[in-house]
């Protein structure tokens, strides 16, 4: 690693300077060095970060985890089923901050793999400031027609984020805006109607309207999410070898937004090691939609992300628990996912 030789050199110089100033014995100096090692490492870590410019790299990754899918059984009745989903992806990120990536969502249906969705994305990340990192991405979803389960009619998504990393707890804010067309809504009308009924069980009146019938207003449909998160990263270097790196990142997120149609949330990996930005997906066995354009609290999530990197290889287990606020019951869901791949 680049950090190691620089760190050792600075460590030697610092030790020599301390001995010259204090005129203590070598044993006393070594004892002080061991006592102050953690503090010294933290200070030098910040200095080394300023010397290391962003790099160009490519990522090959495959992720796996579970997700809920709403199947149309009969008479607009939906049944939620938890299924295993694979998300192979590839990405290229230039040191200037620009990047491009592609991801495929493959669900396991009764023993058969169905590659039902492809995501293409362009992004820009500002990584040159030690105090914060920020970025924006634009994505387009290509989804198969005539699926047996519901997918959002939103085809495009803009995502932006800001992370302040100077404090011990790293706060962040992110925003997602998705939009699509009227034709995509028509294809999924039965599913949308059933999802909107789900929230209103027990009411005498059920409004199942899908969208305004005025042609001038039906060309575009959209949803908007705003997320606030806080996390802390714990690091361990050279645990098993001189080329490994371990990170443990607990994170809490609170998300609000509209949910007229719901975002495409099954594709969600965090294999981009430099930014690791987007992580606000949720799982709910009892998710629902709302025909009104209401900005409201949606869910609270707690994640435990971990990462082991050995040379070019990385392994990223993640566990999450979400409390979905709008659901009348079955609010709590848990999920486990695993990403692995190579960085070049």
C-alpha atoms as a PDB file:
ATOM      1  CA  UNK A   1       0.000   0.000   0.000  1.00  0.00           C
ATOM      2  CA  UNK A   2       1.148   3.555  -0.661  1.00  0.00           C
ATOM      3  CA  UNK A   3       0.273   4.652   2.837  1.00  0.00           C
ATOM      4  CA  UNK A   4       2.573   2.170   4.583  1.00  0.00           C
ATOM      5  CA  UNK A   5       6.047   3.320   3.430  1.00  0.00           C
ATOM      6  CA  UNK A   6       5.098   6.979   3.854  1.00  0.00           C
ATOM      7  CA  UNK A   7       3.700   6.286   7.288  1.00  0.00           C
ATOM      8  CA  UNK A   8       6.848   4.378   8.384  1.00  0.00           C
ATOM      9  CA  UNK A   9       9.110   7.160   7.108  1.00  0.00           C
ATOM     10  CA  UNK A  10       7.181   9.820   9.003  1.00  0.00           C
ATOM     11  CA  UNK A  11       7.090   7.574  12.044  1.00  0.00           C
ATOM     12  CA  UNK A  12      10.882   7.246  12.057  1.00  0.00           C
ATOM     13  CA  UNK A  13      11.380  11.014  11.633  1.00  0.00           C
ATOM     14  CA  UNK A  14       8.903  11.742  14.418  1.00  0.00           C
ATOM     15  CA  UNK A  15      10.664   9.271  16.743  1.00  0.00           C
ATOM     16  CA  UNK A  16      14.064  10.824  16.085  1.00  0.00           C
ATOM     17  CA  UNK A  17      12.724  14.322  16.669  1.00  0.00           C
ATOM     18  CA  UNK A  18      11.094  13.249  19.940  1.00  0.00           C
ATOM     19  CA  UNK A  19      14.362  11.699  21.163  1.00  0.00           C
ATOM     20  CA  UNK A  20      16.370  14.800  20.283  1.00  0.00           C
ATOM     21  CA  UNK A  21      13.963  17.099  22.116  1.00  0.00           C
ATOM     22  CA  UNK A  22      13.416  15.086  25.278  1.00  0.00           C
ATOM     23  CA  UNK A  23      16.862  13.369  25.498  1.00  0.00           C
ATOM     24  CA  UNK A  24      15.187  10.298  26.947  1.00  0.00           C
ATOM     25  CA  UNK A  25      16.471   6.766  26.701  1.00  0.00           C
ATOM     26  CA  UNK A  26      15.496   4.613  23.691  1.00  0.00           C
ATOM     27  CA  UNK A  27      13.311   2.472  25.972  1.00  0.00           C
ATOM     28  CA  UNK A  28      11.379   5.506  27.257  1.00  0.00           C
ATOM     29  CA  UNK A  29      10.895   6.758  23.697  1.00  0.00           C
ATOM     30  CA  UNK A  30       9.594   3.412  22.559  1.00  0.00           C
ATOM     31  CA  UNK A  31       7.184   3.300  25.507  1.00  0.00           C
ATOM     32  CA  UNK A  32       5.831   6.779  24.699  1.00  0.00           C
ATOM     33  CA  UNK A  33       5.553   5.854  21.044  1.00  0.00           C
ATOM     34  CA  UNK A  34       3.420   2.809  21.858  1.00  0.00           C
ATOM     35  CA  UNK A  35       1.269   4.842  24.242  1.00  0.00           C
ATOM     36  CA  UNK A  36       0.599   7.594  21.690  1.00  0.00           C
ATOM     37  CA  UNK A  37       0.363   5.323  18.654  1.00  0.00           C
ATOM     38  CA  UNK A  38      -3.384   5.735  18.126  1.00  0.00           C
ATOM     39  CA  UNK A  39      -3.230   9.520  18.385  1.00  0.00           C
ATOM     40  CA  UNK A  40      -0.208   9.677  16.083  1.00  0.00           C
ATOM     41  CA  UNK A  41      -1.843   7.423  13.530  1.00  0.00           C
ATOM     42  CA  UNK A  42      -4.968   9.600  13.428  1.00  0.00           C
ATOM     43  CA  UNK A  43      -2.923  12.752  12.841  1.00  0.00           C
ATOM     44  CA  UNK A  44      -0.749  11.202  10.152  1.00  0.00           C
ATOM     45  CA  UNK A  45      -3.789   9.634   8.461  1.00  0.00           C
ATOM     46  CA  UNK A  46      -5.156  13.111   7.739  1.00  0.00           C
ATOM     47  CA  UNK A  47      -1.781  14.236   6.440  1.00  0.00           C
ATOM     48  CA  UNK A  48      -1.406  11.216   4.173  1.00  0.00           C
ATOM     49  CA  UNK A  49      -4.895  11.750   2.770  1.00  0.00           C
ATOM     50  CA  UNK A  50      -3.822  15.185   1.583  1.00  0.00           C
ATOM     51  CA  UNK A  51      -0.958  13.589  -0.371  1.00  0.00           C
ATOM     52  CA  UNK A  52      -3.070  10.969  -2.099  1.00  0.00           C
ATOM     53  CA  UNK A  53      -4.955  12.330  -5.083  1.00  0.00           C
ATOM     54  CA  UNK A  54      -8.057  10.557  -6.428  1.00  0.00           C
ATOM     55  CA  UNK A  55      -7.190   7.666  -8.750  1.00  0.00           C
ATOM     56  CA  UNK A  56      -8.673   6.164 -11.883  1.00  0.00           C
ATOM     57  CA  UNK A  57     -10.045   2.675 -11.316  1.00  0.00           C
ATOM     58  CA  UNK A  58     -12.501   0.098 -12.647  1.00  0.00           C
ATOM     59  CA  UNK A  59     -14.775  -2.218 -10.655  1.00  0.00           C
ATOM     60  CA  UNK A  60     -16.207  -5.652 -11.453  1.00  0.00           C
ATOM     61  CA  UNK A  61     -18.760  -6.634  -8.855  1.00  0.00           C
ATOM     62  CA  UNK A  62     -21.501  -9.125  -8.116  1.00  0.00           C
ATOM     63  CA  UNK A  63     -24.009  -8.571  -5.315  1.00  0.00           C
ATOM     64  CA  UNK A  64     -26.586 -10.888  -3.844  1.00  0.00           C
ATOM     65  CA  UNK A  65     -29.432 -10.417  -1.379  1.00  0.00           C
ATOM     66  CA  UNK A  66     -33.160 -10.655  -0.797  1.00  0.00           C
ATOM     67  CA  UNK A  67     -35.956  -8.342  -1.871  1.00  0.00           C
ATOM     68  CA  UNK A  68     -39.765  -8.316  -1.751  1.00  0.00           C
ATOM     69  CA  UNK A  69     -41.724  -8.622  -5.015  1.00  0.00           C
ATOM     70  CA  UNK A  70     -45.470  -7.976  -5.341  1.00  0.00           C
ATOM     71  CA  UNK A  71     -47.143 -10.542  -7.605  1.00  0.00           C
ATOM     72  CA  UNK A  72     -50.610 -10.061  -9.081  1.00  0.00           C
ATOM     73  CA  UNK A  73     -52.509 -13.202  -8.075  1.00  0.00           C
ATOM     74  CA  UNK A  74     -56.114 -12.528  -9.179  1.00  0.00           C
ATOM     75  CA  UNK A  75     -58.651  -9.710  -9.274  1.00  0.00           C
ATOM     76  CA  UNK A  76     -55.957  -7.123  -8.545  1.00  0.00           C
ATOM     77  CA  UNK A  77     -54.911  -8.931  -5.362  1.00  0.00           C
ATOM     78  CA  UNK A  78     -51.208  -8.776  -4.655  1.00  0.00           C
ATOM     79  CA  UNK A  79     -49.048 -11.268  -2.808  1.00  0.00           C
ATOM     80  CA  UNK A  80     -45.639 -10.212  -1.504  1.00  0.00           C
ATOM     81  CA  UNK A  81     -42.891 -12.766  -1.912  1.00  0.00           C
ATOM     82  CA  UNK A  82     -39.294 -12.509  -0.751  1.00  0.00           C
ATOM     83  CA  UNK A  83     -36.936 -13.618  -3.518  1.00  0.00           C
ATOM     84  CA  UNK A  84     -33.196 -13.804  -3.971  1.00  0.00           C
ATOM     85  CA  UNK A  85     -31.770 -11.245  -6.402  1.00  0.00           C
ATOM     86  CA  UNK A  86     -28.333 -11.084  -8.039  1.00  0.00           C
ATOM     87  CA  UNK A  87     -26.870  -7.752  -9.184  1.00  0.00           C
ATOM     88  CA  UNK A  88     -23.713  -8.118 -11.299  1.00  0.00           C
ATOM     89  CA  UNK A  89     -22.244  -4.753 -12.244  1.00  0.00           C
ATOM     90  CA  UNK A  90     -19.253  -3.029 -13.786  1.00  0.00           C
ATOM     91  CA  UNK A  91     -18.064   0.536 -13.401  1.00  0.00           C
ATOM     92  CA  UNK A  92     -15.295   2.883 -14.500  1.00  0.00           C
ATOM     93  CA  UNK A  93     -14.359   5.919 -12.394  1.00  0.00           C
ATOM     94  CA  UNK A  94     -11.853   8.535 -13.564  1.00  0.00           C
ATOM     95  CA  UNK A  95      -9.679  10.494 -11.159  1.00  0.00           C
ATOM     96  CA  UNK A  96     -11.374  13.676 -12.397  1.00  0.00           C
ATOM     97  CA  UNK A  97     -14.577  12.447 -10.711  1.00  0.00           C
ATOM     98  CA  UNK A  98     -16.535  11.288 -13.748  1.00  0.00           C
ATOM     99  CA  UNK A  99     -17.778   7.707 -13.870  1.00  0.00           C
ATOM    100  CA  UNK A 100     -19.998   5.275 -15.745  1.00  0.00           C
ATOM    101  CA  UNK A 101     -21.557   2.024 -14.579  1.00  0.00           C
ATOM    102  CA  UNK A 102     -24.017  -0.677 -15.552  1.00  0.00           C
ATOM    103  CA  UNK A 103     -25.952  -3.141 -13.372  1.00  0.00           C
ATOM    104  CA  UNK A 104     -28.297  -6.042 -14.116  1.00  0.00           C
ATOM    105  CA  UNK A 105     -30.992  -7.245 -11.687  1.00  0.00           C
ATOM    106  CA  UNK A 106     -31.581 -11.011 -11.858  1.00  0.00           C
ATOM    107  CA  UNK A 107     -34.327 -12.535  -9.714  1.00  0.00           C
ATOM    108  CA  UNK A 108     -34.714 -16.216  -8.875  1.00  0.00           C
ATOM    109  CA  UNK A 109     -38.268 -17.277  -9.803  1.00  0.00           C
ATOM    110  CA  UNK A 110     -39.127 -20.909  -9.008  1.00  0.00           C
ATOM    111  CA  UNK A 111     -35.593 -22.031  -9.752  1.00  0.00           C
ATOM    112  CA  UNK A 112     -35.209 -19.959 -12.918  1.00  0.00           C
ATOM    113  CA  UNK A 113     -33.127 -16.805 -13.219  1.00  0.00           C
ATOM    114  CA  UNK A 114     -34.892 -13.823 -14.781  1.00  0.00           C
ATOM    115  CA  UNK A 115     -32.738 -10.853 -15.820  1.00  0.00           C
ATOM    116  CA  UNK A 116     -35.616  -8.406 -15.680  1.00  0.00           C
ATOM    117  CA  UNK A 117     -33.910  -5.005 -15.378  1.00  0.00           C
ATOM    118  CA  UNK A 118     -30.778  -3.177 -16.522  1.00  0.00           C
ATOM    119  CA  UNK A 119     -29.496   0.092 -15.080  1.00  0.00           C
ATOM    120  CA  UNK A 120     -27.097   2.444 -16.875  1.00  0.00           C
ATOM    121  CA  UNK A 121     -25.667   5.388 -14.937  1.00  0.00           C
ATOM    122  CA  UNK A 122     -23.345   8.371 -15.408  1.00  0.00           C
ATOM    123  CA  UNK A 123     -21.930  10.098 -12.340  1.00  0.00           C
ATOM    124  CA  UNK A 124     -19.642  12.801 -11.047  1.00  0.00           C
ATOM    125  CA  UNK A 125     -18.062  12.783  -7.575  1.00  0.00           C
ATOM    126  CA  UNK A 126     -16.145  15.676  -6.057  1.00  0.00           C
ATOM    127  CA  UNK A 127     -13.419  14.019  -3.946  1.00  0.00           C
ATOM    128  CA  UNK A 128     -10.718  16.691  -3.739  1.00  0.00           C
ATOM    129  CA  UNK A 129     -11.737  18.200  -0.400  1.00  0.00           C
ATOM    130  CA  UNK A 130     -10.808  16.483   2.877  1.00  0.00           C
ATOM    131  CA  UNK A 131     -13.783  17.975   4.711  1.00  0.00           C
ATOM    132  CA  UNK A 132     -16.579  16.702   2.469  1.00  0.00           C
ATOM    133  CA  UNK A 133     -17.456  14.615  -0.562  1.00  0.00           C
ATOM    134  CA  UNK A 134     -20.375  15.303  -2.916  1.00  0.00           C
ATOM    135  CA  UNK A 135     -21.705  13.990  -6.180  1.00  0.00           C
ATOM    136  CA  UNK A 136     -24.527  13.553  -8.642  1.00  0.00           C
ATOM    137  CA  UNK A 137     -25.626  10.698 -10.907  1.00  0.00           C
ATOM    138  CA  UNK A 138     -28.153  10.187 -13.683  1.00  0.00           C
ATOM    139  CA  UNK A 139     -29.616   6.719 -14.260  1.00  0.00           C
ATOM    140  CA  UNK A 140     -31.943   5.064 -16.737  1.00  0.00           C
ATOM    141  CA  UNK A 141     -33.771   1.786 -16.098  1.00  0.00           C
ATOM    142  CA  UNK A 142     -34.515  -0.680 -18.893  1.00  0.00           C
ATOM    143  CA  UNK A 143     -37.197  -3.070 -17.597  1.00  0.00           C
ATOM    144  CA  UNK A 144     -38.758  -6.100 -19.266  1.00  0.00           C
ATOM    145  CA  UNK A 145     -42.400  -5.876 -20.266  1.00  0.00           C
ATOM    146  CA  UNK A 146     -45.137  -8.227 -19.023  1.00  0.00           C
ATOM    147  CA  UNK A 147     -43.512  -9.154 -15.721  1.00  0.00           C
ATOM    148  CA  UNK A 148     -45.389 -11.185 -13.115  1.00  0.00           C
ATOM    149  CA  UNK A 149     -44.475  -8.697 -10.373  1.00  0.00           C
ATOM    150  CA  UNK A 150     -44.613  -4.941  -9.909  1.00  0.00           C
ATOM    151  CA  UNK A 151     -41.766  -2.654 -10.942  1.00  0.00           C
ATOM    152  CA  UNK A 152     -41.928   1.113 -10.792  1.00  0.00           C
ATOM    153  CA  UNK A 153     -42.921   2.941 -14.006  1.00  0.00           C
ATOM    154  CA  UNK A 154     -40.246   5.535 -13.204  1.00  0.00           C
ATOM    155  CA  UNK A 155     -37.575   5.041 -15.856  1.00  0.00           C
ATOM    156  CA  UNK A 156     -35.127   7.831 -15.042  1.00  0.00           C
ATOM    157  CA  UNK A 157     -33.527   8.955 -11.803  1.00  0.00           C
ATOM    158  CA  UNK A 158     -31.364  11.869 -10.694  1.00  0.00           C
ATOM    159  CA  UNK A 159     -29.479  11.310  -7.444  1.00  0.00           C
ATOM    160  CA  UNK A 160     -27.306  13.776  -5.521  1.00  0.00           C
ATOM    161  CA  UNK A 161     -25.551  13.501  -2.173  1.00  0.00           C
ATOM    162  CA  UNK A 162     -23.351  15.420   0.261  1.00  0.00           C
ATOM    163  CA  UNK A 163     -21.268  13.837   3.063  1.00  0.00           C
ATOM    164  CA  UNK A 164     -19.448  15.861   5.692  1.00  0.00           C
ATOM    165  CA  UNK A 165     -16.516  13.740   6.816  1.00  0.00           C
ATOM    166  CA  UNK A 166     -14.622  16.064   9.158  1.00  0.00           C
ATOM    167  CA  UNK A 167     -16.549  15.052  12.291  1.00  0.00           C
ATOM    168  CA  UNK A 168     -16.446  11.704  14.093  1.00  0.00           C
ATOM    169  CA  UNK A 169     -20.062  11.076  13.070  1.00  0.00           C
ATOM    170  CA  UNK A 170     -20.310  11.687   9.322  1.00  0.00           C
ATOM    171  CA  UNK A 171     -23.693  13.274   8.510  1.00  0.00           C
ATOM    172  CA  UNK A 172     -25.020  13.145   4.959  1.00  0.00           C
ATOM    173  CA  UNK A 173     -27.998  14.281   2.954  1.00  0.00           C
ATOM    174  CA  UNK A 174     -29.171  12.894  -0.390  1.00  0.00           C
ATOM    175  CA  UNK A 175     -32.017  13.499  -2.795  1.00  0.00           C
ATOM    176  CA  UNK A 176     -33.563  11.310  -5.496  1.00  0.00           C
ATOM    177  CA  UNK A 177     -35.911  12.455  -8.235  1.00  0.00           C
ATOM    178  CA  UNK A 178     -37.437   9.875 -10.567  1.00  0.00           C
ATOM    179  CA  UNK A 179     -39.733  10.318 -13.533  1.00  0.00           C
ATOM    180  CA  UNK A 180     -41.368   8.313 -16.297  1.00  0.00           C
ATOM    181  CA  UNK A 181     -44.155   8.421 -18.883  1.00  0.00           C
ATOM    182  CA  UNK A 182     -47.905   7.821 -18.990  1.00  0.00           C
ATOM    183  CA  UNK A 183     -47.472   4.697 -21.134  1.00  0.00           C
ATOM    184  CA  UNK A 184     -45.423   3.041 -18.412  1.00  0.00           C
ATOM    185  CA  UNK A 185     -48.164   3.757 -15.885  1.00  0.00           C
ATOM    186  CA  UNK A 186     -50.844   2.125 -18.070  1.00  0.00           C
ATOM    187  CA  UNK A 187     -48.779  -1.081 -18.272  1.00  0.00           C
ATOM    188  CA  UNK A 188     -48.779  -1.364 -14.475  1.00  0.00           C
ATOM    189  CA  UNK A 189     -52.224   0.041 -13.687  1.00  0.00           C
ATOM    190  CA  UNK A 190     -53.571  -3.070 -11.948  1.00  0.00           C
ATOM    191  CA  UNK A 191     -50.527  -3.288  -9.692  1.00  0.00           C
ATOM    192  CA  UNK A 192     -50.661   0.416  -8.801  1.00  0.00           C
ATOM    193  CA  UNK A 193     -54.370   0.184  -7.941  1.00  0.00           C
ATOM    194  CA  UNK A 194     -53.777  -2.779  -5.625  1.00  0.00           C
ATOM    195  CA  UNK A 195     -50.814  -1.134  -3.904  1.00  0.00           C
ATOM    196  CA  UNK A 196     -52.905   1.966  -3.226  1.00  0.00           C
ATOM    197  CA  UNK A 197     -55.740  -0.097  -1.795  1.00  0.00           C
ATOM    198  CA  UNK A 198     -53.386  -1.852   0.593  1.00  0.00           C
ATOM    199  CA  UNK A 199     -52.913   1.206   2.834  1.00  0.00           C
ATOM    200  CA  UNK A 200     -56.642   1.876   3.124  1.00  0.00           C
ATOM    201  CA  UNK A 201     -57.915  -1.418   4.486  1.00  0.00           C
ATOM    202  CA  UNK A 202     -60.903  -0.913   6.755  1.00  0.00           C
ATOM    203  CA  UNK A 203     -62.028   2.329   5.097  1.00  0.00           C
ATOM    204  CA  UNK A 204     -65.432   2.432   3.431  1.00  0.00           C
ATOM    205  CA  UNK A 205     -64.239   4.527   0.512  1.00  0.00           C
ATOM    206  CA  UNK A 206     -61.263   3.498  -1.573  1.00  0.00           C
ATOM    207  CA  UNK A 207     -59.917   5.973  -4.088  1.00  0.00           C
ATOM    208  CA  UNK A 208     -58.277   3.923  -6.828  1.00  0.00           C
ATOM    209  CA  UNK A 209     -57.607   6.754  -9.253  1.00  0.00           C
ATOM    210  CA  UNK A 210     -54.276   6.327 -11.002  1.00  0.00           C
ATOM    211  CA  UNK A 211     -53.519   9.708 -12.481  1.00  0.00           C
ATOM    212  CA  UNK A 212     -55.337  12.771 -13.707  1.00  0.00           C
ATOM    213  CA  UNK A 213     -57.146  12.190 -16.989  1.00  0.00           C
ATOM    214  CA  UNK A 214     -56.148  15.527 -18.422  1.00  0.00           C
ATOM    215  CA  UNK A 215     -53.880  14.721 -21.356  1.00  0.00           C
ATOM    216  CA  UNK A 216     -51.708  17.789 -20.931  1.00  0.00           C
ATOM    217  CA  UNK A 217     -50.762  16.597 -17.427  1.00  0.00           C
ATOM    218  CA  UNK A 218     -50.333  12.878 -17.997  1.00  0.00           C
ATOM    219  CA  UNK A 219     -47.197  12.844 -20.129  1.00  0.00           C
ATOM    220  CA  UNK A 220     -44.835  12.812 -17.151  1.00  0.00           C
ATOM    221  CA  UNK A 221     -45.069  11.206 -13.720  1.00  0.00           C
ATOM    222  CA  UNK A 222     -42.559  11.570 -10.888  1.00  0.00           C
ATOM    223  CA  UNK A 223     -41.537  10.847  -7.302  1.00  0.00           C
ATOM    224  CA  UNK A 224     -39.081  12.549  -4.952  1.00  0.00           C
ATOM    225  CA  UNK A 225     -37.142  11.270  -1.918  1.00  0.00           C
ATOM    226  CA  UNK A 226     -34.978  13.106   0.612  1.00  0.00           C
ATOM    227  CA  UNK A 227     -32.724  11.148   2.987  1.00  0.00           C
ATOM    228  CA  UNK A 228     -30.694  12.094   6.055  1.00  0.00           C
ATOM    229  CA  UNK A 229     -28.052   9.710   7.389  1.00  0.00           C
ATOM    230  CA  UNK A 230     -25.276   9.559   9.944  1.00  0.00           C
ATOM    231  CA  UNK A 231     -22.483   6.998  10.128  1.00  0.00           C
ATOM    232  CA  UNK A 232     -19.017   6.336  11.500  1.00  0.00           C
ATOM    233  CA  UNK A 233     -16.239   4.328   9.840  1.00  0.00           C
ATOM    234  CA  UNK A 234     -13.956   2.088  11.910  1.00  0.00           C
ATOM    235  CA  UNK A 235     -10.721   1.084  10.159  1.00  0.00           C
ATOM    236  CA  UNK A 236      -8.177  -1.678  10.661  1.00  0.00           C
ATOM    237  CA  UNK A 237      -5.062  -1.974   8.459  1.00  0.00           C
ATOM    238  CA  UNK A 238      -2.861  -5.036   7.868  1.00  0.00           C
ATOM    239  CA  UNK A 239      -4.995  -7.408   9.944  1.00  0.00           C
ATOM    240  CA  UNK A 240      -4.285 -10.639   8.061  1.00  0.00           C
ATOM    241  CA  UNK A 241      -1.513  -9.474   5.742  1.00  0.00           C
ATOM    242  CA  UNK A 242       0.367  -6.346   4.697  1.00  0.00           C
ATOM    243  CA  UNK A 243      -2.149  -5.712   1.888  1.00  0.00           C
ATOM    244  CA  UNK A 244      -5.503  -5.954   3.632  1.00  0.00           C
ATOM    245  CA  UNK A 245      -7.955  -3.391   4.943  1.00  0.00           C
ATOM    246  CA  UNK A 246     -11.095  -3.777   7.082  1.00  0.00           C
ATOM    247  CA  UNK A 247     -13.853  -1.219   7.497  1.00  0.00           C
ATOM    248  CA  UNK A 248     -16.946  -1.396   9.699  1.00  0.00           C
ATOM    249  CA  UNK A 249     -19.614   1.312   9.143  1.00  0.00           C
ATOM    250  CA  UNK A 250     -22.798   1.503  11.254  1.00  0.00           C
ATOM    251  CA  UNK A 251     -25.331   3.888   9.687  1.00  0.00           C
ATOM    252  CA  UNK A 252     -28.800   5.229  10.540  1.00  0.00           C
ATOM    253  CA  UNK A 253     -31.024   6.755   7.829  1.00  0.00           C
ATOM    254  CA  UNK A 254     -34.320   8.624   7.794  1.00  0.00           C
ATOM    255  CA  UNK A 255     -36.107   8.983   4.459  1.00  0.00           C
ATOM    256  CA  UNK A 256     -39.097  11.115   3.478  1.00  0.00           C
ATOM    257  CA  UNK A 257     -40.703  11.660   0.118  1.00  0.00           C
ATOM    258  CA  UNK A 258     -43.609  10.988  -2.187  1.00  0.00           C
ATOM    259  CA  UNK A 259     -44.616   7.472  -3.182  1.00  0.00           C
ATOM    260  CA  UNK A 260     -47.094   7.761  -6.001  1.00  0.00           C
ATOM    261  CA  UNK A 261     -45.217   5.102  -7.977  1.00  0.00           C
ATOM    262  CA  UNK A 262     -42.175   4.074  -5.917  1.00  0.00           C
ATOM    263  CA  UNK A 263     -38.540   4.009  -6.987  1.00  0.00           C
ATOM    264  CA  UNK A 264     -36.796   1.049  -8.584  1.00  0.00           C
ATOM    265  CA  UNK A 265     -35.039  -0.158  -5.442  1.00  0.00           C
ATOM    266  CA  UNK A 266     -33.881  -3.691  -6.195  1.00  0.00           C
ATOM    267  CA  UNK A 267     -30.612  -2.535  -7.749  1.00  0.00           C
ATOM    268  CA  UNK A 268     -28.519  -1.172  -4.924  1.00  0.00           C
ATOM    269  CA  UNK A 269     -24.843  -1.986  -4.461  1.00  0.00           C
ATOM    270  CA  UNK A 270     -22.125   0.032  -2.812  1.00  0.00           C
ATOM    271  CA  UNK A 271     -19.031  -1.400  -4.485  1.00  0.00           C
ATOM    272  CA  UNK A 272     -17.583   2.020  -5.365  1.00  0.00           C
ATOM    273  CA  UNK A 273     -15.050   2.176  -2.548  1.00  0.00           C
ATOM    274  CA  UNK A 274     -14.148   5.835  -2.880  1.00  0.00           C
ATOM    275  CA  UNK A 275     -17.618   7.222  -2.365  1.00  0.00           C
ATOM    276  CA  UNK A 276     -19.859   4.391  -1.059  1.00  0.00           C
ATOM    277  CA  UNK A 277     -22.675   6.855  -1.298  1.00  0.00           C
ATOM    278  CA  UNK A 278     -26.097   5.470  -2.127  1.00  0.00           C
ATOM    279  CA  UNK A 279     -27.647   3.275   0.492  1.00  0.00           C
ATOM    280  CA  UNK A 280     -31.242   4.211   1.239  1.00  0.00           C
ATOM    281  CA  UNK A 281     -33.147   1.237  -0.126  1.00  0.00           C
ATOM    282  CA  UNK A 282     -35.731  -0.436   2.050  1.00  0.00           C
ATOM    283  CA  UNK A 283     -37.606  -3.707   2.144  1.00  0.00           C
ATOM    284  CA  UNK A 284     -41.236  -3.989   3.167  1.00  0.00           C
ATOM    285  CA  UNK A 285     -43.629  -6.874   2.918  1.00  0.00           C
ATOM    286  CA  UNK A 286     -46.475  -4.377   3.106  1.00  0.00           C
ATOM    287  CA  UNK A 287     -45.368  -1.455   0.944  1.00  0.00           C
ATOM    288  CA  UNK A 288     -48.013   0.759  -0.609  1.00  0.00           C
ATOM    289  CA  UNK A 289     -48.458   3.716  -2.925  1.00  0.00           C
ATOM    290  CA  UNK A 290     -50.416   6.939  -2.553  1.00  0.00           C
ATOM    291  CA  UNK A 291     -52.212   8.729  -5.407  1.00  0.00           C
ATOM    292  CA  UNK A 292     -51.777  12.084  -3.638  1.00  0.00           C
ATOM    293  CA  UNK A 293     -48.601  14.101  -4.065  1.00  0.00           C
ATOM    294  CA  UNK A 294     -47.761  14.072  -0.366  1.00  0.00           C
ATOM    295  CA  UNK A 295     -44.265  14.577   1.002  1.00  0.00           C
ATOM    296  CA  UNK A 296     -44.254  12.402   4.103  1.00  0.00           C
ATOM    297  CA  UNK A 297     -41.954  10.283   6.305  1.00  0.00           C
ATOM    298  CA  UNK A 298     -41.393   6.900   4.678  1.00  0.00           C
ATOM    299  CA  UNK A 299     -38.969   4.795   6.696  1.00  0.00           C
ATOM    300  CA  UNK A 300     -36.167   4.609   9.233  1.00  0.00           C
ATOM    301  CA  UNK A 301     -33.307   2.217   8.553  1.00  0.00           C
ATOM    302  CA  UNK A 302     -30.247   0.987  10.416  1.00  0.00           C
ATOM    303  CA  UNK A 303     -27.390  -0.550   8.438  1.00  0.00           C
ATOM    304  CA  UNK A 304     -24.240  -2.334   9.460  1.00  0.00           C
ATOM    305  CA  UNK A 305     -21.885  -2.270   6.489  1.00  0.00           C
ATOM    306  CA  UNK A 306     -18.551  -4.056   6.507  1.00  0.00           C
ATOM    307  CA  UNK A 307     -15.739  -4.448   4.046  1.00  0.00           C
ATOM    308  CA  UNK A 308     -12.622  -6.574   3.670  1.00  0.00           C
ATOM    309  CA  UNK A 309     -10.148  -5.585   0.955  1.00  0.00           C
ATOM    310  CA  UNK A 310      -7.099  -7.689   0.090  1.00  0.00           C
ATOM    311  CA  UNK A 311      -5.144  -6.166  -2.772  1.00  0.00           C
ATOM    312  CA  UNK A 312      -7.594  -5.817  -5.672  1.00  0.00           C
ATOM    313  CA  UNK A 313     -10.236  -8.115  -4.158  1.00  0.00           C
ATOM    314  CA  UNK A 314     -13.037  -6.881  -1.885  1.00  0.00           C
ATOM    315  CA  UNK A 315     -15.840  -8.494   0.118  1.00  0.00           C
ATOM    316  CA  UNK A 316     -18.724  -6.378   1.463  1.00  0.00           C
ATOM    317  CA  UNK A 317     -21.346  -7.962   3.767  1.00  0.00           C
ATOM    318  CA  UNK A 318     -24.239  -5.748   4.876  1.00  0.00           C
ATOM    319  CA  UNK A 319     -27.127  -6.192   7.282  1.00  0.00           C
ATOM    320  CA  UNK A 320     -30.068  -3.801   7.456  1.00  0.00           C
ATOM    321  CA  UNK A 321     -33.307  -3.384   9.365  1.00  0.00           C
ATOM    322  CA  UNK A 322     -36.035  -0.996   8.205  1.00  0.00           C
ATOM    323  CA  UNK A 323     -39.222   0.344   9.789  1.00  0.00           C
ATOM    324  CA  UNK A 324     -41.670   1.317   7.041  1.00  0.00           C
ATOM    325  CA  UNK A 325     -43.831   4.096   8.498  1.00  0.00           C
ATOM    326  CA  UNK A 326     -46.900   4.228   6.172  1.00  0.00           C
ATOM    327  CA  UNK A 327     -47.784   0.525   6.445  1.00  0.00           C
ATOM    328  CA  UNK A 328     -50.676  -0.378   8.803  1.00  0.00           C
ATOM    329  CA  UNK A 329     -48.888  -3.607   9.825  1.00  0.00           C
ATOM    330  CA  UNK A 330     -45.761  -5.649   9.051  1.00  0.00           C
ATOM    331  CA  UNK A 331     -43.689  -2.477   9.284  1.00  0.00           C
ATOM    332  CA  UNK A 332     -40.354  -4.076  10.185  1.00  0.00           C
ATOM    333  CA  UNK A 333     -38.191  -5.872   7.637  1.00  0.00           C
ATOM    334  CA  UNK A 334     -34.638  -7.185   7.728  1.00  0.00           C
ATOM    335  CA  UNK A 335     -32.237  -7.961   4.924  1.00  0.00           C
ATOM    336  CA  UNK A 336     -28.749  -9.259   4.333  1.00  0.00           C
ATOM    337  CA  UNK A 337     -26.693  -8.660   1.214  1.00  0.00           C
ATOM    338  CA  UNK A 338     -23.202  -9.560   0.067  1.00  0.00           C
ATOM    339  CA  UNK A 339     -21.092  -7.863  -2.589  1.00  0.00           C
ATOM    340  CA  UNK A 340     -17.783  -9.098  -3.913  1.00  0.00           C
ATOM    341  CA  UNK A 341     -15.543  -8.141  -6.798  1.00  0.00           C
ATOM    342  CA  UNK A 342     -12.253  -6.708  -8.044  1.00  0.00           C
ATOM    343  CA  UNK A 343     -10.872  -3.206  -8.425  1.00  0.00           C
ATOM    344  CA  UNK A 344      -8.358  -2.504 -11.191  1.00  0.00           C
END
